[in-house]
Amino acid sequence: MKIDASEILVLINRQKDNYFPEKLDYCKLLNLYKSNSLFSRVFRKIILKFNIIPLEKVIFKTLIKYLNSAKYIILFDTGNAAYLAKLIKKISPNIKLIIWYWNPVGASIDLKEFSGLDIEIWSFDPNDCKKHGLKYNTQFFIEKNLEYINNSSKCEQDVFYVGVDKDRSKILSKLKNIFDKEHISYKFNLVKNGNKDNDYGIEYCEPLEYKAVLNNISQSKAVIDLVAEGQNGLTLRPLEALFLKKKLITNMLSIKEYDFYSPENIFIIGEDDDTKLKEFLCSGYDSTLYDYFCNKYSFKEWINRFLL
């Protein structure tokens, strides 16, 4: 069955980091909001809370227009996803609507918010799928973002970390001690989480645009991936490492269950020998089935799996 790209609508809330490109040739990326300023967010919240229908149609004017041609809609677990799901099904009840949990269910929208709707709910986390009876799809990497990378860049550090400090500064502090002892160079771009400070001496940095994230990874031998305890779903870091042929240092024990796992490429914190970390970074990269894995975890194939 051939599906036209205009029939697949992926609703996103484009942030300052520019992770999502402006355009793709195999789907329509639609940014939900023209502005994400504090005023705009408060304004939307008031309108949606009090169900001010005339203004609701103004806010979602572009979305409503595309509902006429779309057959499939993928909606991420954004703050207004439950409201949007009801609006979409009210206007176009025959559209196949997919809710995609890109975050652990326990830290996102209550599943009860979607009860009674004719929709499919999918998640990136195998544990959440088993626990809540959701459909599973892998994490994805948008292959077009490889165009951001400056291929002439040289290696600037052995290891790179980027992320928000959600109790990660403690782990980074321990890794820093290992790196210093083993003479491993590193760069941490740790972003402050709200008003919380850390007690581990890890300096906070400003958030990076996604182009800068990829270029920092490309200038490193390895990238660090830190996940919450019990999380089984992949973050972006393992896939960035995969697509850029970089090594991965992670605390995700279940990474071994993924098909692309290779001990030559992935070092598991707390399980692998810290004294072998330098040797791990200096050893060769295992490229077995590289093209197969890049295709499987691409954004294009991620979309295709919803449509099967």
C-alpha atoms as a PDB file:
ATOM      1  CA  MET A   1       0.000   0.000   0.000  1.00  0.00           C
ATOM      2  CA  LYS A   2       1.525   3.284  -1.130  1.00  0.00           C
ATOM      3  CA  ILE A   3       0.915   6.199   1.242  1.00  0.00           C
ATOM      4  CA  ASP A   4       1.452   9.786   0.170  1.00  0.00           C
ATOM      5  CA  ALA A   5       3.630  11.896   2.478  1.00  0.00           C
ATOM      6  CA  SER A   6       0.859  14.498   2.770  1.00  0.00           C
ATOM      7  CA  GLU A   7      -1.365  11.871   4.407  1.00  0.00           C
ATOM      8  CA  ILE A   8       1.042  11.414   7.352  1.00  0.00           C
ATOM      9  CA  LEU A   9       0.971  14.281   9.825  1.00  0.00           C
ATOM     10  CA  VAL A  10       3.498  14.345  12.680  1.00  0.00           C
ATOM     11  CA  LEU A  11       2.581  16.988  15.270  1.00  0.00           C
ATOM     12  CA  ILE A  12       5.557  18.494  17.072  1.00  0.00           C
ATOM     13  CA  ASN A  13       6.257  21.303  19.465  1.00  0.00           C
ATOM     14  CA  ARG A  14       9.486  22.638  17.966  1.00  0.00           C
ATOM     15  CA  GLN A  15      11.887  23.827  20.663  1.00  0.00           C
ATOM     16  CA  LYS A  16      14.912  26.114  20.593  1.00  0.00           C
ATOM     17  CA  ASP A  17      17.272  23.160  20.161  1.00  0.00           C
ATOM     18  CA  ASN A  18      15.873  22.581  16.630  1.00  0.00           C
ATOM     19  CA  TYR A  19      15.899  18.785  16.858  1.00  0.00           C
ATOM     20  CA  PHE A  20      13.173  18.509  14.226  1.00  0.00           C
ATOM     21  CA  PRO A  21      14.057  19.802  10.743  1.00  0.00           C
ATOM     22  CA  GLU A  22      11.740  22.162   8.912  1.00  0.00           C
ATOM     23  CA  LYS A  23      10.811  19.640   6.244  1.00  0.00           C
ATOM     24  CA  LEU A  24      10.988  15.929   5.383  1.00  0.00           C
ATOM     25  CA  ASP A  25       9.974  14.277   2.119  1.00  0.00           C
ATOM     26  CA  TYR A  26       8.174  11.261   3.656  1.00  0.00           C
ATOM     27  CA  CYS A  27       5.793  13.017   6.092  1.00  0.00           C
ATOM     28  CA  LYS A  28       4.430  16.413   7.022  1.00  0.00           C
ATOM     29  CA  LEU A  29       5.986  17.894  10.172  1.00  0.00           C
ATOM     30  CA  LEU A  30       3.548  20.375  11.657  1.00  0.00           C
ATOM     31  CA  ASN A  31       4.620  22.669  14.453  1.00  0.00           C
ATOM     32  CA  LEU A  32       1.659  23.055  16.809  1.00  0.00           C
ATOM     33  CA  TYR A  33       2.420  26.558  18.018  1.00  0.00           C
ATOM     34  CA  LYS A  34       3.896  29.669  16.436  1.00  0.00           C
ATOM     35  CA  SER A  35       5.284  30.768  19.787  1.00  0.00           C
ATOM     36  CA  ASN A  36       6.396  29.059  22.994  1.00  0.00           C
ATOM     37  CA  SER A  37       6.902  32.236  24.991  1.00  0.00           C
ATOM     38  CA  LEU A  38       5.652  32.314  28.588  1.00  0.00           C
ATOM     39  CA  PHE A  39       2.793  34.620  27.560  1.00  0.00           C
ATOM     40  CA  SER A  40       1.746  32.264  24.739  1.00  0.00           C
ATOM     41  CA  ARG A  41       1.818  29.200  26.996  1.00  0.00           C
ATOM     42  CA  VAL A  42      -0.285  30.902  29.691  1.00  0.00           C
ATOM     43  CA  PHE A  43      -2.698  32.221  27.045  1.00  0.00           C
ATOM     44  CA  ARG A  44      -3.186  28.735  25.582  1.00  0.00           C
ATOM     45  CA  LYS A  45      -3.636  27.210  29.008  1.00  0.00           C
ATOM     46  CA  ILE A  46      -6.461  29.626  29.889  1.00  0.00           C
ATOM     47  CA  ILE A  47      -8.238  29.108  26.553  1.00  0.00           C
ATOM     48  CA  LEU A  48      -8.038  25.326  26.754  1.00  0.00           C
ATOM     49  CA  LYS A  49      -8.998  25.172  30.422  1.00  0.00           C
ATOM     50  CA  PHE A  50     -12.178  27.222  29.924  1.00  0.00           C
ATOM     51  CA  ASN A  51     -12.955  25.679  26.496  1.00  0.00           C
ATOM     52  CA  ILE A  52     -13.149  28.996  24.654  1.00  0.00           C
ATOM     53  CA  ILE A  53     -14.040  27.423  21.290  1.00  0.00           C
ATOM     54  CA  PRO A  54     -13.688  30.475  18.949  1.00  0.00           C
ATOM     55  CA  LEU A  55     -10.141  31.117  20.209  1.00  0.00           C
ATOM     56  CA  GLU A  56      -9.385  27.398  20.212  1.00  0.00           C
ATOM     57  CA  LYS A  57     -10.007  27.380  16.463  1.00  0.00           C
ATOM     58  CA  VAL A  58      -7.604  30.296  16.055  1.00  0.00           C
ATOM     59  CA  ILE A  59      -4.816  28.553  18.006  1.00  0.00           C
ATOM     60  CA  PHE A  60      -5.169  25.320  16.037  1.00  0.00           C
ATOM     61  CA  LYS A  61      -6.156  26.892  12.714  1.00  0.00           C
ATOM     62  CA  THR A  62      -3.270  25.283  10.780  1.00  0.00           C
ATOM     63  CA  LEU A  63      -3.840  21.858  12.332  1.00  0.00           C
ATOM     64  CA  ILE A  64      -7.572  21.962  11.532  1.00  0.00           C
ATOM     65  CA  LYS A  65      -6.763  22.828   7.911  1.00  0.00           C
ATOM     66  CA  TYR A  66      -4.485  19.767   7.533  1.00  0.00           C
ATOM     67  CA  LEU A  67      -7.092  17.426   9.032  1.00  0.00           C
ATOM     68  CA  ASN A  68      -8.852  17.476   5.677  1.00  0.00           C
ATOM     69  CA  SER A  69      -5.985  15.716   3.885  1.00  0.00           C
ATOM     70  CA  ALA A  70      -4.330  13.660   6.640  1.00  0.00           C
ATOM     71  CA  LYS A  71      -5.127   9.975   7.144  1.00  0.00           C
ATOM     72  CA  TYR A  72      -2.575   9.299   9.885  1.00  0.00           C
ATOM     73  CA  ILE A  73      -1.585  11.577  12.758  1.00  0.00           C
ATOM     74  CA  ILE A  74       1.246  10.967  15.220  1.00  0.00           C
ATOM     75  CA  LEU A  75       0.958  13.069  18.372  1.00  0.00           C
ATOM     76  CA  PHE A  76       3.738  13.209  20.971  1.00  0.00           C
ATOM     77  CA  ASP A  77       2.993  13.201  24.710  1.00  0.00           C
ATOM     78  CA  THR A  78       3.094  16.991  24.991  1.00  0.00           C
ATOM     79  CA  GLY A  79       1.268  18.883  27.714  1.00  0.00           C
ATOM     80  CA  ASN A  80      -1.880  19.417  25.621  1.00  0.00           C
ATOM     81  CA  ALA A  81      -1.897  16.001  23.909  1.00  0.00           C
ATOM     82  CA  ALA A  82      -5.096  14.759  25.585  1.00  0.00           C
ATOM     83  CA  TYR A  83      -6.947  17.929  24.613  1.00  0.00           C
ATOM     84  CA  LEU A  84      -5.636  17.744  21.052  1.00  0.00           C
ATOM     85  CA  ALA A  85      -6.574  14.067  20.738  1.00  0.00           C
ATOM     86  CA  LYS A  86     -10.197  14.868  21.639  1.00  0.00           C
ATOM     87  CA  LEU A  87     -10.250  17.819  19.238  1.00  0.00           C
ATOM     88  CA  ILE A  88      -8.833  15.783  16.335  1.00  0.00           C
ATOM     89  CA  LYS A  89     -11.247  12.883  16.830  1.00  0.00           C
ATOM     90  CA  LYS A  90     -14.179  15.275  17.160  1.00  0.00           C
ATOM     91  CA  ILE A  91     -13.390  16.964  13.844  1.00  0.00           C
ATOM     92  CA  SER A  92     -12.112  13.895  11.947  1.00  0.00           C
ATOM     93  CA  PRO A  93     -13.302  10.712  13.686  1.00  0.00           C
ATOM     94  CA  ASN A  94     -11.971   8.421  10.924  1.00  0.00           C
ATOM     95  CA  ILE A  95      -8.351   9.577  11.147  1.00  0.00           C
ATOM     96  CA  LYS A  96      -5.928   7.009  12.567  1.00  0.00           C
ATOM     97  CA  LEU A  97      -4.536   8.837  15.605  1.00  0.00           C
ATOM     98  CA  ILE A  98      -1.392   7.550  17.315  1.00  0.00           C
ATOM     99  CA  ILE A  99      -0.256   8.865  20.690  1.00  0.00           C
ATOM    100  CA  TRP A 100       3.497   8.440  21.093  1.00  0.00           C
ATOM    101  CA  TYR A 101       4.916   8.365  24.628  1.00  0.00           C
ATOM    102  CA  TRP A 102       8.458   9.678  24.198  1.00  0.00           C
ATOM    103  CA  ASN A 103       8.774   9.816  27.984  1.00  0.00           C
ATOM    104  CA  PRO A 104       8.145   7.226  30.724  1.00  0.00           C
ATOM    105  CA  VAL A 105       4.402   7.028  31.387  1.00  0.00           C
ATOM    106  CA  GLY A 106       4.916   7.733  35.093  1.00  0.00           C
ATOM    107  CA  ALA A 107       6.538  11.081  34.261  1.00  0.00           C
ATOM    108  CA  SER A 108       4.101  12.099  31.538  1.00  0.00           C
ATOM    109  CA  ILE A 109       0.363  12.388  30.832  1.00  0.00           C
ATOM    110  CA  ASP A 110      -1.920  10.059  32.777  1.00  0.00           C
ATOM    111  CA  LEU A 111      -3.177   7.372  30.391  1.00  0.00           C
ATOM    112  CA  LYS A 112      -6.688   7.894  31.782  1.00  0.00           C
ATOM    113  CA  GLU A 113      -6.750  11.225  29.930  1.00  0.00           C
ATOM    114  CA  PHE A 114      -7.111   9.273  26.674  1.00  0.00           C
ATOM    115  CA  SER A 115      -9.804   6.844  27.838  1.00  0.00           C
ATOM    116  CA  GLY A 116     -12.824   6.462  25.576  1.00  0.00           C
ATOM    117  CA  LEU A 117     -11.020   7.686  22.445  1.00  0.00           C
ATOM    118  CA  ASP A 118     -10.592   5.592  19.299  1.00  0.00           C
ATOM    119  CA  ILE A 119      -6.790   5.908  19.230  1.00  0.00           C
ATOM    120  CA  GLU A 120      -3.622   3.820  19.452  1.00  0.00           C
ATOM    121  CA  ILE A 121      -1.138   4.458  22.260  1.00  0.00           C
ATOM    122  CA  TRP A 122       2.518   3.554  21.707  1.00  0.00           C
ATOM    123  CA  SER A 123       5.643   3.929  23.840  1.00  0.00           C
ATOM    124  CA  PHE A 124       9.436   3.897  23.475  1.00  0.00           C
ATOM    125  CA  ASP A 125       9.834   1.916  26.699  1.00  0.00           C
ATOM    126  CA  PRO A 126       9.300  -1.886  26.580  1.00  0.00           C
ATOM    127  CA  ASN A 127       8.585  -1.972  30.335  1.00  0.00           C
ATOM    128  CA  ASP A 128       5.784   0.601  30.024  1.00  0.00           C
ATOM    129  CA  CYS A 129       4.323  -1.351  27.103  1.00  0.00           C
ATOM    130  CA  LYS A 130       4.156  -4.530  29.194  1.00  0.00           C
ATOM    131  CA  LYS A 131       2.864  -2.752  32.282  1.00  0.00           C
ATOM    132  CA  HIS A 132       0.149  -0.693  30.597  1.00  0.00           C
ATOM    133  CA  GLY A 133      -0.659  -2.793  27.519  1.00  0.00           C
ATOM    134  CA  LEU A 134       0.718  -0.269  25.039  1.00  0.00           C
ATOM    135  CA  LYS A 135       2.162  -0.882  21.582  1.00  0.00           C
ATOM    136  CA  TYR A 136       5.934  -0.696  21.237  1.00  0.00           C
ATOM    137  CA  ASN A 137       8.026   1.242  18.779  1.00  0.00           C
ATOM    138  CA  THR A 138      11.747   1.939  19.010  1.00  0.00           C
ATOM    139  CA  GLN A 139      13.388   5.257  19.735  1.00  0.00           C
ATOM    140  CA  PHE A 140      14.370   7.036  16.504  1.00  0.00           C
ATOM    141  CA  PHE A 141      17.064   9.224  14.989  1.00  0.00           C
ATOM    142  CA  ILE A 142      16.207  11.749  12.285  1.00  0.00           C
ATOM    143  CA  GLU A 143      18.700  10.830   9.604  1.00  0.00           C
ATOM    144  CA  LYS A 144      18.479  14.257   7.947  1.00  0.00           C
ATOM    145  CA  ASN A 145      20.175  15.739  11.027  1.00  0.00           C
ATOM    146  CA  LEU A 146      23.445  14.183   9.897  1.00  0.00           C
ATOM    147  CA  GLU A 147      23.640  17.155   7.526  1.00  0.00           C
ATOM    148  CA  TYR A 148      24.413  19.312  10.575  1.00  0.00           C
ATOM    149  CA  ILE A 149      27.788  17.688  11.097  1.00  0.00           C
ATOM    150  CA  ASN A 150      31.001  19.358  10.059  1.00  0.00           C
ATOM    151  CA  ASN A 151      32.898  16.384   8.660  1.00  0.00           C
ATOM    152  CA  SER A 152      36.196  18.241   8.813  1.00  0.00           C
ATOM    153  CA  SER A 153      36.005  18.468  12.608  1.00  0.00           C
ATOM    154  CA  LYS A 154      38.879  16.902  14.519  1.00  0.00           C
ATOM    155  CA  CYS A 155      38.654  15.018  17.821  1.00  0.00           C
ATOM    156  CA  GLU A 156      38.518  17.562  20.672  1.00  0.00           C
ATOM    157  CA  GLN A 157      37.923  15.224  23.636  1.00  0.00           C
ATOM    158  CA  ASP A 158      37.608  11.534  24.412  1.00  0.00           C
ATOM    159  CA  VAL A 159      34.160  11.733  26.001  1.00  0.00           C
ATOM    160  CA  PHE A 160      31.207  14.123  25.714  1.00  0.00           C
ATOM    161  CA  TYR A 161      28.090  14.467  27.863  1.00  0.00           C
ATOM    162  CA  VAL A 162      25.024  16.658  27.271  1.00  0.00           C
ATOM    163  CA  GLY A 163      21.826  16.720  29.310  1.00  0.00           C
ATOM    164  CA  VAL A 164      19.768  18.249  32.092  1.00  0.00           C
ATOM    165  CA  ASP A 165      20.811  17.618  35.696  1.00  0.00           C
ATOM    166  CA  LYS A 166      18.099  15.239  36.842  1.00  0.00           C
ATOM    167  CA  ASP A 167      20.272  13.727  39.603  1.00  0.00           C
ATOM    168  CA  ARG A 168      22.956  13.102  36.980  1.00  0.00           C
ATOM    169  CA  SER A 169      25.633  15.332  38.512  1.00  0.00           C
ATOM    170  CA  LYS A 170      26.396  12.645  41.108  1.00  0.00           C
ATOM    171  CA  ILE A 171      27.116  10.057  38.404  1.00  0.00           C
ATOM    172  CA  LEU A 172      29.107  12.573  36.371  1.00  0.00           C
ATOM    173  CA  SER A 173      31.218  13.334  39.450  1.00  0.00           C
ATOM    174  CA  LYS A 174      32.119   9.659  39.796  1.00  0.00           C
ATOM    175  CA  LEU A 175      32.909   9.414  36.098  1.00  0.00           C
ATOM    176  CA  LYS A 176      35.037  12.552  36.314  1.00  0.00           C
ATOM    177  CA  ASN A 177      37.183  10.901  38.991  1.00  0.00           C
ATOM    178  CA  ILE A 178      37.645   7.835  36.780  1.00  0.00           C
ATOM    179  CA  PHE A 179      38.463   9.961  33.732  1.00  0.00           C
ATOM    180  CA  ASP A 180      41.017  12.015  35.662  1.00  0.00           C
ATOM    181  CA  LYS A 181      42.658   8.885  37.022  1.00  0.00           C
ATOM    182  CA  GLU A 182      42.785   7.189  33.611  1.00  0.00           C
ATOM    183  CA  HIS A 183      43.872  10.373  31.759  1.00  0.00           C
ATOM    184  CA  ILE A 184      40.697  10.500  29.693  1.00  0.00           C
ATOM    185  CA  SER A 185      39.712  13.924  28.373  1.00  0.00           C
ATOM    186  CA  TYR A 186      36.056  14.968  28.625  1.00  0.00           C
ATOM    187  CA  LYS A 187      33.534  17.744  28.119  1.00  0.00           C
ATOM    188  CA  PHE A 188      30.329  17.991  30.154  1.00  0.00           C
ATOM    189  CA  ASN A 189      27.437  20.205  29.034  1.00  0.00           C
ATOM    190  CA  LEU A 190      25.244  19.788  32.108  1.00  0.00           C
ATOM    191  CA  VAL A 191      22.172  22.028  32.138  1.00  0.00           C
ATOM    192  CA  LYS A 192      20.649  23.188  35.418  1.00  0.00           C
ATOM    193  CA  ASN A 193      17.311  21.600  36.327  1.00  0.00           C
ATOM    194  CA  GLY A 194      15.095  24.464  37.471  1.00  0.00           C
ATOM    195  CA  ASN A 195      16.543  26.204  40.515  1.00  0.00           C
ATOM    196  CA  LYS A 196      18.304  23.142  41.914  1.00  0.00           C
ATOM    197  CA  ASP A 197      22.076  23.261  42.380  1.00  0.00           C
ATOM    198  CA  ASN A 198      24.413  20.307  42.621  1.00  0.00           C
ATOM    199  CA  ASP A 199      26.869  19.469  45.400  1.00  0.00           C
ATOM    200  CA  TYR A 200      29.387  17.670  43.217  1.00  0.00           C
ATOM    201  CA  GLY A 201      31.333  20.517  41.644  1.00  0.00           C
ATOM    202  CA  ILE A 202      30.009  19.953  38.133  1.00  0.00           C
ATOM    203  CA  GLU A 203      29.664  23.290  36.363  1.00  0.00           C
ATOM    204  CA  TYR A 204      26.377  24.143  34.679  1.00  0.00           C
ATOM    205  CA  CYS A 205      26.210  25.241  31.029  1.00  0.00           C
ATOM    206  CA  GLU A 206      23.682  26.825  28.718  1.00  0.00           C
ATOM    207  CA  PRO A 207      21.562  24.421  26.615  1.00  0.00           C
ATOM    208  CA  LEU A 208      23.006  23.606  23.195  1.00  0.00           C
ATOM    209  CA  GLU A 209      21.196  23.712  19.875  1.00  0.00           C
ATOM    210  CA  TYR A 210      20.967  20.270  18.349  1.00  0.00           C
ATOM    211  CA  LYS A 211      23.471  21.127  15.633  1.00  0.00           C
ATOM    212  CA  ALA A 212      26.041  21.850  18.359  1.00  0.00           C
ATOM    213  CA  VAL A 213      25.160  18.607  20.180  1.00  0.00           C
ATOM    214  CA  LEU A 214      25.880  16.523  17.077  1.00  0.00           C
ATOM    215  CA  ASN A 215      29.084  18.385  16.301  1.00  0.00           C
ATOM    216  CA  ASN A 216      30.353  17.871  19.855  1.00  0.00           C
ATOM    217  CA  ILE A 217      29.612  14.143  19.553  1.00  0.00           C
ATOM    218  CA  SER A 218      31.368  14.031  16.193  1.00  0.00           C
ATOM    219  CA  GLN A 219      34.432  15.596  17.849  1.00  0.00           C
ATOM    220  CA  SER A 220      34.546  12.906  20.558  1.00  0.00           C
ATOM    221  CA  LYS A 221      35.422   9.229  20.759  1.00  0.00           C
ATOM    222  CA  ALA A 222      32.411   8.461  22.945  1.00  0.00           C
ATOM    223  CA  VAL A 223      29.181   9.935  24.294  1.00  0.00           C
ATOM    224  CA  ILE A 224      27.748   9.417  27.795  1.00  0.00           C
ATOM    225  CA  ASP A 225      24.143   8.280  28.239  1.00  0.00           C
ATOM    226  CA  LEU A 226      22.521   8.494  31.702  1.00  0.00           C
ATOM    227  CA  VAL A 227      18.982   7.209  32.245  1.00  0.00           C
ATOM    228  CA  ALA A 228      16.634   7.059  35.221  1.00  0.00           C
ATOM    229  CA  GLU A 229      16.657   3.858  37.260  1.00  0.00           C
ATOM    230  CA  GLY A 230      14.434   1.202  35.697  1.00  0.00           C
ATOM    231  CA  GLN A 231      14.138   2.931  32.318  1.00  0.00           C
ATOM    232  CA  ASN A 232      14.330   0.458  29.444  1.00  0.00           C
ATOM    233  CA  GLY A 233      13.536   2.802  26.573  1.00  0.00           C
ATOM    234  CA  LEU A 234      16.405   4.318  24.635  1.00  0.00           C
ATOM    235  CA  THR A 235      17.267   7.998  24.832  1.00  0.00           C
ATOM    236  CA  LEU A 236      18.692   9.751  21.772  1.00  0.00           C
ATOM    237  CA  ARG A 237      22.299   9.270  22.914  1.00  0.00           C
ATOM    238  CA  PRO A 238      22.669   5.567  21.982  1.00  0.00           C
ATOM    239  CA  LEU A 239      21.292   6.249  18.510  1.00  0.00           C
ATOM    240  CA  GLU A 240      23.465   9.313  18.011  1.00  0.00           C
ATOM    241  CA  ALA A 241      26.434   7.139  18.932  1.00  0.00           C
ATOM    242  CA  LEU A 242      25.220   4.460  16.494  1.00  0.00           C
ATOM    243  CA  PHE A 243      24.645   6.759  13.520  1.00  0.00           C
ATOM    244  CA  LEU A 244      27.914   8.668  14.084  1.00  0.00           C
ATOM    245  CA  LYS A 245      29.922   5.471  14.759  1.00  0.00           C
ATOM    246  CA  LYS A 246      30.912   6.667  18.223  1.00  0.00           C
ATOM    247  CA  LYS A 247      31.297   4.615  21.368  1.00  0.00           C
ATOM    248  CA  LEU A 248      28.717   4.780  24.149  1.00  0.00           C
ATOM    249  CA  ILE A 249      29.192   4.913  27.926  1.00  0.00           C
ATOM    250  CA  THR A 250      25.858   4.254  29.651  1.00  0.00           C
ATOM    251  CA  ASN A 251      24.282   3.278  32.973  1.00  0.00           C
ATOM    252  CA  MET A 252      21.394   1.541  31.187  1.00  0.00           C
ATOM    253  CA  LEU A 253      21.875  -2.125  32.093  1.00  0.00           C
ATOM    254  CA  SER A 254      19.193  -3.304  29.676  1.00  0.00           C
ATOM    255  CA  ILE A 255      21.139  -1.886  26.710  1.00  0.00           C
ATOM    256  CA  LYS A 256      22.398  -5.452  26.276  1.00  0.00           C
ATOM    257  CA  GLU A 257      18.884  -6.492  25.211  1.00  0.00           C
ATOM    258  CA  TYR A 258      19.024  -4.262  22.115  1.00  0.00           C
ATOM    259  CA  ASP A 259      20.092  -5.792  18.818  1.00  0.00           C
ATOM    260  CA  PHE A 260      22.836  -3.233  18.135  1.00  0.00           C
ATOM    261  CA  TYR A 261      24.613  -3.922  21.433  1.00  0.00           C
ATOM    262  CA  SER A 262      28.294  -4.762  21.088  1.00  0.00           C
ATOM    263  CA  PRO A 263      30.819  -4.818  23.973  1.00  0.00           C
ATOM    264  CA  GLU A 264      33.328  -3.245  21.567  1.00  0.00           C
ATOM    265  CA  ASN A 265      31.059  -0.204  21.184  1.00  0.00           C
ATOM    266  CA  ILE A 266      29.160   0.068  24.473  1.00  0.00           C
ATOM    267  CA  PHE A 267      30.588   0.363  28.000  1.00  0.00           C
ATOM    268  CA  ILE A 268      28.105  -0.257  30.839  1.00  0.00           C
ATOM    269  CA  ILE A 269      28.722   1.783  33.999  1.00  0.00           C
ATOM    270  CA  GLY A 270      28.695  -0.363  37.126  1.00  0.00           C
ATOM    271  CA  GLU A 271      29.079  -3.589  35.182  1.00  0.00           C
ATOM    272  CA  ASP A 272      32.159  -3.230  32.987  1.00  0.00           C
ATOM    273  CA  ASP A 273      35.631  -2.791  34.504  1.00  0.00           C
ATOM    274  CA  ASP A 274      36.453   0.906  35.044  1.00  0.00           C
ATOM    275  CA  THR A 275      40.157   0.200  34.631  1.00  0.00           C
ATOM    276  CA  LYS A 276      39.460  -0.985  31.063  1.00  0.00           C
ATOM    277  CA  LEU A 277      37.736   2.256  30.048  1.00  0.00           C
ATOM    278  CA  LYS A 278      40.813   3.780  28.415  1.00  0.00           C
ATOM    279  CA  GLU A 279      41.400   0.569  26.494  1.00  0.00           C
ATOM    280  CA  PHE A 280      37.733   0.565  25.429  1.00  0.00           C
ATOM    281  CA  LEU A 281      37.997   4.120  24.075  1.00  0.00           C
ATOM    282  CA  CYS A 282      41.182   3.391  22.140  1.00  0.00           C
ATOM    283  CA  SER A 283      40.001   0.131  20.580  1.00  0.00           C
ATOM    284  CA  GLY A 284      38.337  -0.199  17.174  1.00  0.00           C
ATOM    285  CA  TYR A 285      34.648   0.272  16.405  1.00  0.00           C
ATOM    286  CA  ASP A 286      32.474  -2.721  15.501  1.00  0.00           C
ATOM    287  CA  SER A 287      30.538  -1.768  12.336  1.00  0.00           C
ATOM    288  CA  THR A 288      28.724  -5.093  11.927  1.00  0.00           C
ATOM    289  CA  LEU A 289      25.260  -4.548  10.350  1.00  0.00           C
ATOM    290  CA  TYR A 290      25.741  -0.763  10.578  1.00  0.00           C
ATOM    291  CA  ASP A 291      23.524   0.036   7.570  1.00  0.00           C
ATOM    292  CA  TYR A 292      20.799  -2.336   8.791  1.00  0.00           C
ATOM    293  CA  PHE A 293      20.654  -0.729  12.249  1.00  0.00           C
ATOM    294  CA  CYS A 294      20.715   2.813  10.857  1.00  0.00           C
ATOM    295  CA  ASN A 295      17.744   1.974   8.657  1.00  0.00           C
ATOM    296  CA  LYS A 296      15.834   0.254  11.474  1.00  0.00           C
ATOM    297  CA  TYR A 297      16.239   3.156  13.923  1.00  0.00           C
ATOM    298  CA  SER A 298      15.685   5.928  11.376  1.00  0.00           C
ATOM    299  CA  PHE A 299      12.746   8.310  11.710  1.00  0.00           C
ATOM    300  CA  LYS A 300      11.384   7.102   8.352  1.00  0.00           C
ATOM    301  CA  GLU A 301      11.193   3.466   9.494  1.00  0.00           C
ATOM    302  CA  TRP A 302       9.827   4.581  12.872  1.00  0.00           C
ATOM    303  CA  ILE A 303       6.888   6.159  11.037  1.00  0.00           C
ATOM    304  CA  ASN A 304       6.447   3.121   8.774  1.00  0.00           C
ATOM    305  CA  ARG A 305       6.046   0.812  11.789  1.00  0.00           C
ATOM    306  CA  PHE A 306       2.977   2.773  12.904  1.00  0.00           C
ATOM    307  CA  LEU A 307       1.347   2.265   9.523  1.00  0.00           C
ATOM    308  CA  LEU A 308       1.746  -1.506   9.204  1.00  0.00           C
END
